[in-house]
Structures are given as C-alpha cells and as structure tokens.
C-alpha cells in the first residue's frame, strides 16, 4: 500500500498546543525537544509526528556554540556555552515575534493513502481550537503539502507524472482557487513554459541523468508547485549536487506536491479533497494515449488559452 506524507501549515495555535491536540486525537505522547518551538508526538497509529514553528532561524541544525567549536577559535568551553545561551535567547525572541506570521507546521509520518480520511479529525480539531488557514488573513501564504511515495523509479514513470502534472496545472489552480498572496509569492510557482514545452514534446526521451539535468537547469529552485528535487536527490544525489547544494532539499522517494491551500475556514475542506485532486494527476499519468493527445493540443495552442484549456481538461476528466 502506497503511503503519503502530509504537511499542514496554519496560524493561531502554537506548536505546544497543536502538539497536545494531536496527541489527544491519536492517543500519542508529546515529547519536548531542545527548542521551545519544536515538539514530536509519538505513539500514534502511524508513528511520529513533528510539530514546529516553520522557520529555519528558530529551528537551526547548528547553534552558535556549534559554529564556534567548528571554527576552532581560541575559546574555552565557558565562552562556547555563553554563545549557546545567547543563541537560544535570540532564537526564542525571533520565535515569539515570528509566530504572528510564520506558520506552525504539522509534519505527519507516511500514512497509507486509504487512511488519509483519518486526518479529518485533526483538521476539525485545528479548526475548533482556533487555528487559522490561508484565507483567514491576506498575509497567510499557508499551504498543505502532499508527499506521495512513488510506485516506480524508472524514467518513463517519472516523465509521465511530470507531463500529467503540467497538463493539469491550470485545472488544479482553478479548482483549488490558489490564494492571491500565494500566487504573488514564489513558493508554488508554475513550471516555466520553456520547460513545459520541452517535456511535452513527443520526441523528448531522456535518461535519468538528462531528465534531472533538464529539470534543474530550467527550474533552479525548490519553489515549484510540484518540487521534484527531493525525489531526484534520492535517486541520483551526485547529479543533483552539480546544480545545487541547498541543505533544505531532503532526499526522499516521494513527489513533493506543494500547491494546495490550507482551507481551514471552509468546514467542508479536508486532506482527502486535496488527495483526490492529486489522484487525477496519477490517473492521467497512467494513460499514455491521453497524455499524448492532450500534449499535442497543448503545444498547438497559444500561451493565452487558459480558460479554454481548463474546459478541455474538464472534458477529459468527465471520461474517467
């Protein structure tokens, strides 16, 4: 059974209270960490959840004391400890100020896709306890990320999913109603037209190294609605390293779908709704004839055809 990682961003509920809520819902135990803004919840049916304030400045991999030691400065241990205390103080200040606009994030362990409906209780709990989502404030560029495990790692499988995704991108954005702030910020930027036209060309038949190289060359950023860097780093870390040394890219055998809003203000919204939209991508990826037919139509149209294209995609979806 394929599994899906889920990340939920929101405001209005700090990490400590969100962690306790999660533990209460799934009979878990809250475990504190060295940071006041990071908690784990262990013993749930699927394993360990992480709950944190989503900023690298509050949750660093190394503190000031570590950096002082690595620099091999002529300092004694007391000086290093003072550095650690100062680091902790300033990060706590940053965390308290940042909590106004920086989201709390719940990172779920991989969950079987047919059990995603069990996260509805979490979404409802967040809503009932005052958590705020994307459309509760114009500065809230919050999102839900889905990380579906790949079913195969051959180039044909990966390319079909990339093709299916770019063909469905306009439809997904229309159905999700991407928040204005999220459209203005770069986090879920669409793929550039040059890349879309490259991969939809019927003659494009890359090996894995070429697929990754073309992706990295034309998408030199994690800020894409479907971020392929974690998967590519898992499959071929040496190839990815030629293009980026971004420490935030974590290798994993999953797609990283970043597009959905966190629609906590909508009582009918839940994670299953977003999974069902993603599953349309998988359905198209499994239909090579449909991919070719839609690709030919896409490449034949001008760049300003979005409304008609959404209708075209809708017609295909009605055949499912």
C-alpha atoms as a PDB file:
ATOM      1  CA  UNK A   1       0.000   0.000   0.000  1.00  0.00           C
ATOM      2  CA  UNK A   2       1.494   3.324  -1.045  1.00  0.00           C
ATOM      3  CA  UNK A   3       1.819   5.928   1.663  1.00  0.00           C
ATOM      4  CA  UNK A   4       1.572   9.717   1.687  1.00  0.00           C
ATOM      5  CA  UNK A   5       3.399  12.218   3.850  1.00  0.00           C
ATOM      6  CA  UNK A   6       1.333  15.277   4.769  1.00  0.00           C
ATOM      7  CA  UNK A   7       2.451  18.730   5.932  1.00  0.00           C
ATOM      8  CA  UNK A   8      -0.123  21.246   7.222  1.00  0.00           C
ATOM      9  CA  UNK A   9       0.696  24.936   7.785  1.00  0.00           C
ATOM     10  CA  UNK A  10      -1.521  27.205   9.900  1.00  0.00           C
ATOM     11  CA  UNK A  11      -1.517  30.025  12.455  1.00  0.00           C
ATOM     12  CA  UNK A  12      -3.479  30.797  15.614  1.00  0.00           C
ATOM     13  CA  UNK A  13      -2.302  27.721  17.512  1.00  0.00           C
ATOM     14  CA  UNK A  14       1.276  27.479  18.755  1.00  0.00           C
ATOM     15  CA  UNK A  15       3.356  24.297  18.405  1.00  0.00           C
ATOM     16  CA  UNK A  16       2.897  23.257  22.047  1.00  0.00           C
ATOM     17  CA  UNK A  17      -0.898  23.421  21.929  1.00  0.00           C
ATOM     18  CA  UNK A  18      -1.062  21.923  18.437  1.00  0.00           C
ATOM     19  CA  UNK A  19       1.104  19.013  19.594  1.00  0.00           C
ATOM     20  CA  UNK A  20      -1.148  18.382  22.591  1.00  0.00           C
ATOM     21  CA  UNK A  21      -4.234  18.492  20.381  1.00  0.00           C
ATOM     22  CA  UNK A  22      -2.679  15.977  18.011  1.00  0.00           C
ATOM     23  CA  UNK A  23      -1.699  13.695  20.895  1.00  0.00           C
ATOM     24  CA  UNK A  24      -5.223  13.826  22.322  1.00  0.00           C
ATOM     25  CA  UNK A  25      -6.800  12.897  18.984  1.00  0.00           C
ATOM     26  CA  UNK A  26      -4.484   9.987  18.155  1.00  0.00           C
ATOM     27  CA  UNK A  27      -3.569   8.715  21.648  1.00  0.00           C
ATOM     28  CA  UNK A  28       0.028   9.860  21.311  1.00  0.00           C
ATOM     29  CA  UNK A  29       2.559  11.368  23.702  1.00  0.00           C
ATOM     30  CA  UNK A  30       4.054  14.840  23.357  1.00  0.00           C
ATOM     31  CA  UNK A  31       7.853  14.834  23.537  1.00  0.00           C
ATOM     32  CA  UNK A  32       9.686  18.138  24.032  1.00  0.00           C
ATOM     33  CA  UNK A  33      12.924  18.957  22.212  1.00  0.00           C
ATOM     34  CA  UNK A  34      15.753  21.411  22.846  1.00  0.00           C
ATOM     35  CA  UNK A  35      13.680  24.110  21.103  1.00  0.00           C
ATOM     36  CA  UNK A  36      10.613  25.708  22.671  1.00  0.00           C
ATOM     37  CA  UNK A  37       9.060  25.742  19.207  1.00  0.00           C
ATOM     38  CA  UNK A  38       9.552  22.096  18.204  1.00  0.00           C
ATOM     39  CA  UNK A  39       7.704  19.049  19.560  1.00  0.00           C
ATOM     40  CA  UNK A  40       7.257  15.482  18.450  1.00  0.00           C
ATOM     41  CA  UNK A  41       4.145  13.412  19.042  1.00  0.00           C
ATOM     42  CA  UNK A  42       4.966   9.729  19.334  1.00  0.00           C
ATOM     43  CA  UNK A  43       2.943   6.549  19.669  1.00  0.00           C
ATOM     44  CA  UNK A  44       0.284   7.403  17.075  1.00  0.00           C
ATOM     45  CA  UNK A  45      -1.103   4.700  14.751  1.00  0.00           C
ATOM     46  CA  UNK A  46       1.399   5.766  12.044  1.00  0.00           C
ATOM     47  CA  UNK A  47       4.431   6.745  14.070  1.00  0.00           C
ATOM     48  CA  UNK A  48       5.987  10.079  14.974  1.00  0.00           C
ATOM     49  CA  UNK A  49       4.545  13.468  14.009  1.00  0.00           C
ATOM     50  CA  UNK A  50       6.634  16.643  14.137  1.00  0.00           C
ATOM     51  CA  UNK A  51       5.066  19.963  15.185  1.00  0.00           C
ATOM     52  CA  UNK A  52       7.162  23.096  14.803  1.00  0.00           C
ATOM     53  CA  UNK A  53       7.251  26.779  14.065  1.00  0.00           C
ATOM     54  CA  UNK A  54       8.204  26.721  10.404  1.00  0.00           C
ATOM     55  CA  UNK A  55      11.342  28.843  10.250  1.00  0.00           C
ATOM     56  CA  UNK A  56      14.954  27.735   9.988  1.00  0.00           C
ATOM     57  CA  UNK A  57      16.024  30.683  12.156  1.00  0.00           C
ATOM     58  CA  UNK A  58      14.151  29.281  15.150  1.00  0.00           C
ATOM     59  CA  UNK A  59      14.936  25.615  14.455  1.00  0.00           C
ATOM     60  CA  UNK A  60      18.553  25.555  13.224  1.00  0.00           C
ATOM     61  CA  UNK A  61      20.556  22.435  12.557  1.00  0.00           C
ATOM     62  CA  UNK A  62      23.500  24.063  14.395  1.00  0.00           C
ATOM     63  CA  UNK A  63      23.595  26.680  17.134  1.00  0.00           C
ATOM     64  CA  UNK A  64      26.156  29.427  17.715  1.00  0.00           C
ATOM     65  CA  UNK A  65      28.143  27.204  20.063  1.00  0.00           C
ATOM     66  CA  UNK A  66      28.491  24.528  17.378  1.00  0.00           C
ATOM     67  CA  UNK A  67      29.733  27.112  14.887  1.00  0.00           C
ATOM     68  CA  UNK A  68      32.247  28.493  17.412  1.00  0.00           C
ATOM     69  CA  UNK A  69      33.619  25.000  18.041  1.00  0.00           C
ATOM     70  CA  UNK A  70      33.840  24.194  14.326  1.00  0.00           C
ATOM     71  CA  UNK A  71      35.757  27.432  13.701  1.00  0.00           C
ATOM     72  CA  UNK A  72      38.449  26.206  16.155  1.00  0.00           C
ATOM     73  CA  UNK A  73      38.675  29.646  17.765  1.00  0.00           C
ATOM     74  CA  UNK A  74      40.957  30.036  20.822  1.00  0.00           C
ATOM     75  CA  UNK A  75      37.992  29.936  23.218  1.00  0.00           C
ATOM     76  CA  UNK A  76      37.379  27.872  26.334  1.00  0.00           C
ATOM     77  CA  UNK A  77      34.215  25.866  26.963  1.00  0.00           C
ATOM     78  CA  UNK A  78      32.704  28.640  29.098  1.00  0.00           C
ATOM     79  CA  UNK A  79      32.822  31.002  26.108  1.00  0.00           C
ATOM     80  CA  UNK A  80      31.211  28.380  23.885  1.00  0.00           C
ATOM     81  CA  UNK A  81      28.440  27.840  26.456  1.00  0.00           C
ATOM     82  CA  UNK A  82      27.798  31.591  26.627  1.00  0.00           C
ATOM     83  CA  UNK A  83      27.492  31.571  22.834  1.00  0.00           C
ATOM     84  CA  UNK A  84      24.898  28.796  23.083  1.00  0.00           C
ATOM     85  CA  UNK A  85      22.920  30.715  25.724  1.00  0.00           C
ATOM     86  CA  UNK A  86      22.873  33.871  23.584  1.00  0.00           C
ATOM     87  CA  UNK A  87      21.858  31.832  20.553  1.00  0.00           C
ATOM     88  CA  UNK A  88      18.956  30.262  22.461  1.00  0.00           C
ATOM     89  CA  UNK A  89      17.782  33.637  23.818  1.00  0.00           C
ATOM     90  CA  UNK A  90      17.701  35.354  20.446  1.00  0.00           C
ATOM     91  CA  UNK A  91      16.016  32.415  18.741  1.00  0.00           C
ATOM     92  CA  UNK A  92      13.280  32.428  21.375  1.00  0.00           C
ATOM     93  CA  UNK A  93      12.735  36.140  20.731  1.00  0.00           C
ATOM     94  CA  UNK A  94      12.610  35.522  16.981  1.00  0.00           C
ATOM     95  CA  UNK A  95      10.188  32.652  17.527  1.00  0.00           C
ATOM     96  CA  UNK A  96       7.762  34.718  19.600  1.00  0.00           C
ATOM     97  CA  UNK A  97       7.770  37.570  17.091  1.00  0.00           C
ATOM     98  CA  UNK A  98       7.619  35.252  14.077  1.00  0.00           C
ATOM     99  CA  UNK A  99       4.608  33.370  15.417  1.00  0.00           C
ATOM    100  CA  UNK A 100       2.442  36.277  14.224  1.00  0.00           C
ATOM    101  CA  UNK A 101       3.009  35.474  10.540  1.00  0.00           C
ATOM    102  CA  UNK A 102       5.193  32.353  10.404  1.00  0.00           C
ATOM    103  CA  UNK A 103       3.068  29.202  10.388  1.00  0.00           C
ATOM    104  CA  UNK A 104       3.028  26.352  12.796  1.00  0.00           C
ATOM    105  CA  UNK A 105       3.581  23.199  10.756  1.00  0.00           C
ATOM    106  CA  UNK A 106       2.465  19.654  11.451  1.00  0.00           C
ATOM    107  CA  UNK A 107       4.550  17.083   9.581  1.00  0.00           C
ATOM    108  CA  UNK A 108       2.887  13.683   9.516  1.00  0.00           C
ATOM    109  CA  UNK A 109       4.710  10.378   9.073  1.00  0.00           C
ATOM    110  CA  UNK A 110       3.882   8.411   5.922  1.00  0.00           C
ATOM    111  CA  UNK A 111       0.220   7.337   6.061  1.00  0.00           C
ATOM    112  CA  UNK A 112      -1.417   4.715   3.789  1.00  0.00           C
ATOM    113  CA  UNK A 113      -3.382   6.653   1.199  1.00  0.00           C
ATOM    114  CA  UNK A 114      -6.608   4.851   2.105  1.00  0.00           C
ATOM    115  CA  UNK A 115      -6.302   6.100   5.700  1.00  0.00           C
ATOM    116  CA  UNK A 116      -5.966   9.804   4.874  1.00  0.00           C
ATOM    117  CA  UNK A 117      -9.593  10.292   5.895  1.00  0.00           C
ATOM    118  CA  UNK A 118      -8.458   9.728   9.484  1.00  0.00           C
ATOM    119  CA  UNK A 119      -6.701  13.107   9.310  1.00  0.00           C
ATOM    120  CA  UNK A 120     -10.122  14.758   9.045  1.00  0.00           C
ATOM    121  CA  UNK A 121     -10.347  14.588  12.850  1.00  0.00           C
ATOM    122  CA  UNK A 122      -7.111  16.592  13.056  1.00  0.00           C
ATOM    123  CA  UNK A 123      -8.335  19.207  10.583  1.00  0.00           C
ATOM    124  CA  UNK A 124     -11.598  19.562  12.513  1.00  0.00           C
ATOM    125  CA  UNK A 125      -9.697  19.789  15.796  1.00  0.00           C
ATOM    126  CA  UNK A 126      -7.459  22.545  14.463  1.00  0.00           C
ATOM    127  CA  UNK A 127     -10.492  24.448  13.217  1.00  0.00           C
ATOM    128  CA  UNK A 128     -12.379  24.099  16.514  1.00  0.00           C
ATOM    129  CA  UNK A 129      -9.347  25.238  18.527  1.00  0.00           C
ATOM    130  CA  UNK A 130      -8.795  28.485  16.662  1.00  0.00           C
ATOM    131  CA  UNK A 131      -6.242  27.544  14.025  1.00  0.00           C
ATOM    132  CA  UNK A 132      -6.285  29.875  11.027  1.00  0.00           C
ATOM    133  CA  UNK A 133      -5.690  28.889   7.421  1.00  0.00           C
ATOM    134  CA  UNK A 134      -4.686  30.507   4.161  1.00  0.00           C
ATOM    135  CA  UNK A 135      -7.757  32.632   3.570  1.00  0.00           C
ATOM    136  CA  UNK A 136      -8.125  33.945   7.140  1.00  0.00           C
ATOM    137  CA  UNK A 137      -5.623  36.771   6.568  1.00  0.00           C
ATOM    138  CA  UNK A 138      -4.069  38.264   3.447  1.00  0.00           C
ATOM    139  CA  UNK A 139      -0.551  37.681   4.829  1.00  0.00           C
ATOM    140  CA  UNK A 140      -1.149  33.956   5.413  1.00  0.00           C
ATOM    141  CA  UNK A 141       0.532  32.190   2.498  1.00  0.00           C
ATOM    142  CA  UNK A 142      -0.019  28.813   4.164  1.00  0.00           C
ATOM    143  CA  UNK A 143      -0.248  25.533   2.323  1.00  0.00           C
ATOM    144  CA  UNK A 144      -0.730  21.802   2.594  1.00  0.00           C
ATOM    145  CA  UNK A 145       1.979  19.630   1.071  1.00  0.00           C
ATOM    146  CA  UNK A 146       1.405  16.044  -0.024  1.00  0.00           C
ATOM    147  CA  UNK A 147       4.346  13.674  -0.432  1.00  0.00           C
ATOM    148  CA  UNK A 148       3.067  10.545  -2.209  1.00  0.00           C
ATOM    149  CA  UNK A 149       5.515   7.665  -2.370  1.00  0.00           C
ATOM    150  CA  UNK A 150       6.459   6.824  -5.940  1.00  0.00           C
ATOM    151  CA  UNK A 151       5.320   3.454  -7.259  1.00  0.00           C
ATOM    152  CA  UNK A 152       8.369   3.090  -9.530  1.00  0.00           C
ATOM    153  CA  UNK A 153      11.633   4.887 -10.216  1.00  0.00           C
ATOM    154  CA  UNK A 154      12.094   4.354 -13.950  1.00  0.00           C
ATOM    155  CA  UNK A 155      12.357   7.385 -16.205  1.00  0.00           C
ATOM    156  CA  UNK A 156       9.160   6.585 -18.090  1.00  0.00           C
ATOM    157  CA  UNK A 157       7.123   6.629 -14.868  1.00  0.00           C
ATOM    158  CA  UNK A 158       8.673   9.909 -13.703  1.00  0.00           C
ATOM    159  CA  UNK A 159       8.273  11.629 -17.072  1.00  0.00           C
ATOM    160  CA  UNK A 160       4.630  10.561 -17.384  1.00  0.00           C
ATOM    161  CA  UNK A 161       3.891  12.119 -13.998  1.00  0.00           C
ATOM    162  CA  UNK A 162       5.678  15.336 -14.891  1.00  0.00           C
ATOM    163  CA  UNK A 163       3.772  15.522 -18.166  1.00  0.00           C
ATOM    164  CA  UNK A 164       0.472  14.765 -16.467  1.00  0.00           C
ATOM    165  CA  UNK A 165       1.121  17.410 -13.859  1.00  0.00           C
ATOM    166  CA  UNK A 166       1.949  20.259 -16.230  1.00  0.00           C
ATOM    167  CA  UNK A 167      -1.099  19.376 -18.333  1.00  0.00           C
ATOM    168  CA  UNK A 168      -3.307  19.567 -15.233  1.00  0.00           C
ATOM    169  CA  UNK A 169      -1.644  22.562 -13.567  1.00  0.00           C
ATOM    170  CA  UNK A 170      -4.128  25.209 -14.766  1.00  0.00           C
ATOM    171  CA  UNK A 171      -7.066  22.981 -13.819  1.00  0.00           C
ATOM    172  CA  UNK A 172      -5.639  22.325 -10.347  1.00  0.00           C
ATOM    173  CA  UNK A 173      -5.061  26.025  -9.721  1.00  0.00           C
ATOM    174  CA  UNK A 174      -8.590  26.803 -10.840  1.00  0.00           C
ATOM    175  CA  UNK A 175     -10.174  24.131  -8.623  1.00  0.00           C
ATOM    176  CA  UNK A 176      -8.044  24.905  -5.573  1.00  0.00           C
ATOM    177  CA  UNK A 177      -8.533  28.667  -6.025  1.00  0.00           C
ATOM    178  CA  UNK A 178      -4.947  29.466  -5.105  1.00  0.00           C
ATOM    179  CA  UNK A 179      -4.791  32.320  -2.607  1.00  0.00           C
ATOM    180  CA  UNK A 180      -3.679  35.700  -4.017  1.00  0.00           C
ATOM    181  CA  UNK A 181      -0.756  36.007  -1.608  1.00  0.00           C
ATOM    182  CA  UNK A 182       0.464  32.526  -2.528  1.00  0.00           C
ATOM    183  CA  UNK A 183       0.260  33.448  -6.216  1.00  0.00           C
ATOM    184  CA  UNK A 184       2.353  36.574  -5.611  1.00  0.00           C
ATOM    185  CA  UNK A 185       4.987  34.760  -3.565  1.00  0.00           C
ATOM    186  CA  UNK A 186       7.325  32.281  -5.291  1.00  0.00           C
ATOM    187  CA  UNK A 187       6.704  29.167  -3.189  1.00  0.00           C
ATOM    188  CA  UNK A 188       4.311  27.463  -5.625  1.00  0.00           C
ATOM    189  CA  UNK A 189       5.418  28.975  -8.910  1.00  0.00           C
ATOM    190  CA  UNK A 190       4.252  27.100 -12.029  1.00  0.00           C
ATOM    191  CA  UNK A 191       6.762  25.457 -14.317  1.00  0.00           C
ATOM    192  CA  UNK A 192       8.162  27.854 -16.936  1.00  0.00           C
ATOM    193  CA  UNK A 193       6.683  27.485 -20.392  1.00  0.00           C
ATOM    194  CA  UNK A 194      10.071  26.561 -21.858  1.00  0.00           C
ATOM    195  CA  UNK A 195      10.229  23.515 -19.576  1.00  0.00           C
ATOM    196  CA  UNK A 196       6.621  22.545 -20.233  1.00  0.00           C
ATOM    197  CA  UNK A 197       7.142  22.603 -23.982  1.00  0.00           C
ATOM    198  CA  UNK A 198      10.358  20.603 -23.633  1.00  0.00           C
ATOM    199  CA  UNK A 199       8.857  17.701 -21.691  1.00  0.00           C
ATOM    200  CA  UNK A 200       5.584  17.572 -23.659  1.00  0.00           C
ATOM    201  CA  UNK A 201       7.419  17.138 -26.950  1.00  0.00           C
ATOM    202  CA  UNK A 202       6.773  13.579 -28.126  1.00  0.00           C
ATOM    203  CA  UNK A 203      10.437  13.265 -29.138  1.00  0.00           C
ATOM    204  CA  UNK A 204      11.686  14.023 -25.623  1.00  0.00           C
ATOM    205  CA  UNK A 205      13.018  10.699 -24.341  1.00  0.00           C
ATOM    206  CA  UNK A 206      15.677  11.369 -21.686  1.00  0.00           C
ATOM    207  CA  UNK A 207      17.621   9.011 -19.479  1.00  0.00           C
ATOM    208  CA  UNK A 208      17.514   9.736 -15.734  1.00  0.00           C
ATOM    209  CA  UNK A 209      20.580  11.979 -15.758  1.00  0.00           C
ATOM    210  CA  UNK A 210      19.188  14.073 -18.613  1.00  0.00           C
ATOM    211  CA  UNK A 211      15.736  14.270 -17.008  1.00  0.00           C
ATOM    212  CA  UNK A 212      17.249  15.596 -13.779  1.00  0.00           C
ATOM    213  CA  UNK A 213      19.691  17.920 -15.547  1.00  0.00           C
ATOM    214  CA  UNK A 214      16.979  19.475 -17.706  1.00  0.00           C
ATOM    215  CA  UNK A 215      14.746  19.906 -14.676  1.00  0.00           C
ATOM    216  CA  UNK A 216      17.486  21.548 -12.597  1.00  0.00           C
ATOM    217  CA  UNK A 217      18.638  23.784 -15.453  1.00  0.00           C
ATOM    218  CA  UNK A 218      15.165  25.179 -16.139  1.00  0.00           C
ATOM    219  CA  UNK A 219      13.889  25.007 -12.550  1.00  0.00           C
ATOM    220  CA  UNK A 220      16.857  26.084 -10.391  1.00  0.00           C
ATOM    221  CA  UNK A 221      14.710  26.373  -7.258  1.00  0.00           C
ATOM    222  CA  UNK A 222      12.610  24.383  -4.789  1.00  0.00           C
ATOM    223  CA  UNK A 223       9.800  26.880  -5.381  1.00  0.00           C
ATOM    224  CA  UNK A 224       7.656  24.897  -7.765  1.00  0.00           C
ATOM    225  CA  UNK A 225       4.103  23.647  -7.335  1.00  0.00           C
ATOM    226  CA  UNK A 226       5.497  20.130  -7.805  1.00  0.00           C
ATOM    227  CA  UNK A 227       9.022  20.081  -6.387  1.00  0.00           C
ATOM    228  CA  UNK A 228      10.982  17.158  -7.831  1.00  0.00           C
ATOM    229  CA  UNK A 229      14.298  17.869  -6.110  1.00  0.00           C
ATOM    230  CA  UNK A 230      13.705  15.601  -3.058  1.00  0.00           C
ATOM    231  CA  UNK A 231      12.925  12.644  -5.319  1.00  0.00           C
ATOM    232  CA  UNK A 232      15.776  13.387  -7.708  1.00  0.00           C
ATOM    233  CA  UNK A 233      18.202  13.725  -4.790  1.00  0.00           C
ATOM    234  CA  UNK A 234      17.052  10.320  -3.527  1.00  0.00           C
ATOM    235  CA  UNK A 235      17.529   8.710  -6.950  1.00  0.00           C
ATOM    236  CA  UNK A 236      20.719  10.446  -8.094  1.00  0.00           C
ATOM    237  CA  UNK A 237      22.324  12.674  -5.434  1.00  0.00           C
ATOM    238  CA  UNK A 238      25.500  13.177  -7.464  1.00  0.00           C
ATOM    239  CA  UNK A 239      23.565  14.621 -10.401  1.00  0.00           C
ATOM    240  CA  UNK A 240      21.571  16.992  -8.190  1.00  0.00           C
ATOM    241  CA  UNK A 241      24.781  18.109  -6.450  1.00  0.00           C
ATOM    242  CA  UNK A 242      26.062  19.501  -9.759  1.00  0.00           C
ATOM    243  CA  UNK A 243      23.264  22.065  -9.722  1.00  0.00           C
ATOM    244  CA  UNK A 244      22.525  22.860  -6.082  1.00  0.00           C
ATOM    245  CA  UNK A 245      23.872  22.407  -2.571  1.00  0.00           C
ATOM    246  CA  UNK A 246      20.671  23.600  -0.888  1.00  0.00           C
ATOM    247  CA  UNK A 247      20.626  21.922   2.546  1.00  0.00           C
ATOM    248  CA  UNK A 248      16.827  22.246   2.677  1.00  0.00           C
ATOM    249  CA  UNK A 249      16.450  19.620  -0.058  1.00  0.00           C
ATOM    250  CA  UNK A 250      15.823  16.371   1.819  1.00  0.00           C
ATOM    251  CA  UNK A 251      16.192  13.185  -0.217  1.00  0.00           C
ATOM    252  CA  UNK A 252      13.074  11.003  -0.146  1.00  0.00           C
ATOM    253  CA  UNK A 253      11.300   8.598  -2.534  1.00  0.00           C
ATOM    254  CA  UNK A 254       8.243  10.811  -2.970  1.00  0.00           C
ATOM    255  CA  UNK A 255       6.761  13.522  -5.118  1.00  0.00           C
ATOM    256  CA  UNK A 256       6.547  16.847  -3.266  1.00  0.00           C
ATOM    257  CA  UNK A 257       3.211  18.442  -4.192  1.00  0.00           C
ATOM    258  CA  UNK A 258       3.064  21.928  -2.675  1.00  0.00           C
ATOM    259  CA  UNK A 259       0.073  23.570  -4.356  1.00  0.00           C
ATOM    260  CA  UNK A 260      -2.975  23.233  -2.029  1.00  0.00           C
ATOM    261  CA  UNK A 261      -4.130  25.983   0.323  1.00  0.00           C
ATOM    262  CA  UNK A 262      -4.866  25.294   3.984  1.00  0.00           C
ATOM    263  CA  UNK A 263      -8.627  25.910   3.765  1.00  0.00           C
ATOM    264  CA  UNK A 264      -9.460  25.763   7.470  1.00  0.00           C
ATOM    265  CA  UNK A 265     -12.154  28.429   7.066  1.00  0.00           C
ATOM    266  CA  UNK A 266     -14.148  26.045   4.840  1.00  0.00           C
ATOM    267  CA  UNK A 267     -15.913  23.460   7.047  1.00  0.00           C
ATOM    268  CA  UNK A 268     -16.223  21.100   4.067  1.00  0.00           C
ATOM    269  CA  UNK A 269     -12.471  21.067   3.350  1.00  0.00           C
ATOM    270  CA  UNK A 270     -10.124  18.285   4.383  1.00  0.00           C
ATOM    271  CA  UNK A 271      -6.953  16.494   3.282  1.00  0.00           C
ATOM    272  CA  UNK A 272      -8.895  13.891   1.298  1.00  0.00           C
ATOM    273  CA  UNK A 273     -10.170  16.628  -1.045  1.00  0.00           C
ATOM    274  CA  UNK A 274      -6.578  17.531  -1.936  1.00  0.00           C
ATOM    275  CA  UNK A 275      -5.563  13.889  -2.315  1.00  0.00           C
ATOM    276  CA  UNK A 276      -8.450  13.327  -4.718  1.00  0.00           C
ATOM    277  CA  UNK A 277      -7.201  16.198  -6.882  1.00  0.00           C
ATOM    278  CA  UNK A 278      -3.671  14.795  -6.852  1.00  0.00           C
ATOM    279  CA  UNK A 279      -5.061  11.390  -7.819  1.00  0.00           C
ATOM    280  CA  UNK A 280      -6.309  12.906 -11.087  1.00  0.00           C
ATOM    281  CA  UNK A 281      -2.623  13.501 -11.909  1.00  0.00           C
ATOM    282  CA  UNK A 282      -1.910   9.832 -11.262  1.00  0.00           C
ATOM    283  CA  UNK A 283      -4.860   8.762 -13.412  1.00  0.00           C
ATOM    284  CA  UNK A 284      -3.618  10.828 -16.336  1.00  0.00           C
ATOM    285  CA  UNK A 285      -0.041   9.608 -15.822  1.00  0.00           C
ATOM    286  CA  UNK A 286      -1.316   6.045 -16.264  1.00  0.00           C
ATOM    287  CA  UNK A 287      -2.901   6.859 -19.646  1.00  0.00           C
ATOM    288  CA  UNK A 288      -0.152   7.402 -22.222  1.00  0.00           C
ATOM    289  CA  UNK A 289      -2.601   7.896 -25.100  1.00  0.00           C
ATOM    290  CA  UNK A 290      -4.423  10.648 -23.210  1.00  0.00           C
ATOM    291  CA  UNK A 291      -1.104  12.306 -22.338  1.00  0.00           C
ATOM    292  CA  UNK A 292      -0.076  12.339 -25.994  1.00  0.00           C
ATOM    293  CA  UNK A 293      -3.445  13.621 -27.187  1.00  0.00           C
ATOM    294  CA  UNK A 294      -3.574  16.401 -24.585  1.00  0.00           C
ATOM    295  CA  UNK A 295       0.093  17.283 -25.132  1.00  0.00           C
ATOM    296  CA  UNK A 296      -0.490  17.754 -28.856  1.00  0.00           C
ATOM    297  CA  UNK A 297      -3.444  20.042 -28.135  1.00  0.00           C
ATOM    298  CA  UNK A 298      -1.488  21.992 -25.524  1.00  0.00           C
ATOM    299  CA  UNK A 299       1.520  22.566 -27.770  1.00  0.00           C
ATOM    300  CA  UNK A 300      -0.715  23.709 -30.623  1.00  0.00           C
ATOM    301  CA  UNK A 301      -2.370  26.444 -28.547  1.00  0.00           C
ATOM    302  CA  UNK A 302      -1.116  29.984 -27.819  1.00  0.00           C
ATOM    303  CA  UNK A 303       0.037  30.924 -24.325  1.00  0.00           C
ATOM    304  CA  UNK A 304      -3.197  32.839 -23.555  1.00  0.00           C
ATOM    305  CA  UNK A 305      -5.609  29.918 -23.792  1.00  0.00           C
ATOM    306  CA  UNK A 306      -6.009  29.142 -20.078  1.00  0.00           C
ATOM    307  CA  UNK A 307      -9.818  29.263 -19.787  1.00  0.00           C
ATOM    308  CA  UNK A 308     -10.335  27.065 -22.837  1.00  0.00           C
ATOM    309  CA  UNK A 309      -7.643  24.650 -21.647  1.00  0.00           C
ATOM    310  CA  UNK A 310      -9.348  24.263 -18.260  1.00  0.00           C
ATOM    311  CA  UNK A 311     -12.552  23.348 -20.124  1.00  0.00           C
ATOM    312  CA  UNK A 312     -10.622  20.870 -22.285  1.00  0.00           C
ATOM    313  CA  UNK A 313      -9.159  19.196 -19.204  1.00  0.00           C
ATOM    314  CA  UNK A 314     -12.604  19.121 -17.619  1.00  0.00           C
ATOM    315  CA  UNK A 315     -13.918  17.230 -20.633  1.00  0.00           C
ATOM    316  CA  UNK A 316     -11.160  14.630 -20.246  1.00  0.00           C
ATOM    317  CA  UNK A 317     -11.866  14.260 -16.506  1.00  0.00           C
ATOM    318  CA  UNK A 318     -15.532  13.577 -17.258  1.00  0.00           C
ATOM    319  CA  UNK A 319     -14.426  10.450 -19.147  1.00  0.00           C
ATOM    320  CA  UNK A 320     -12.842   8.920 -16.028  1.00  0.00           C
END
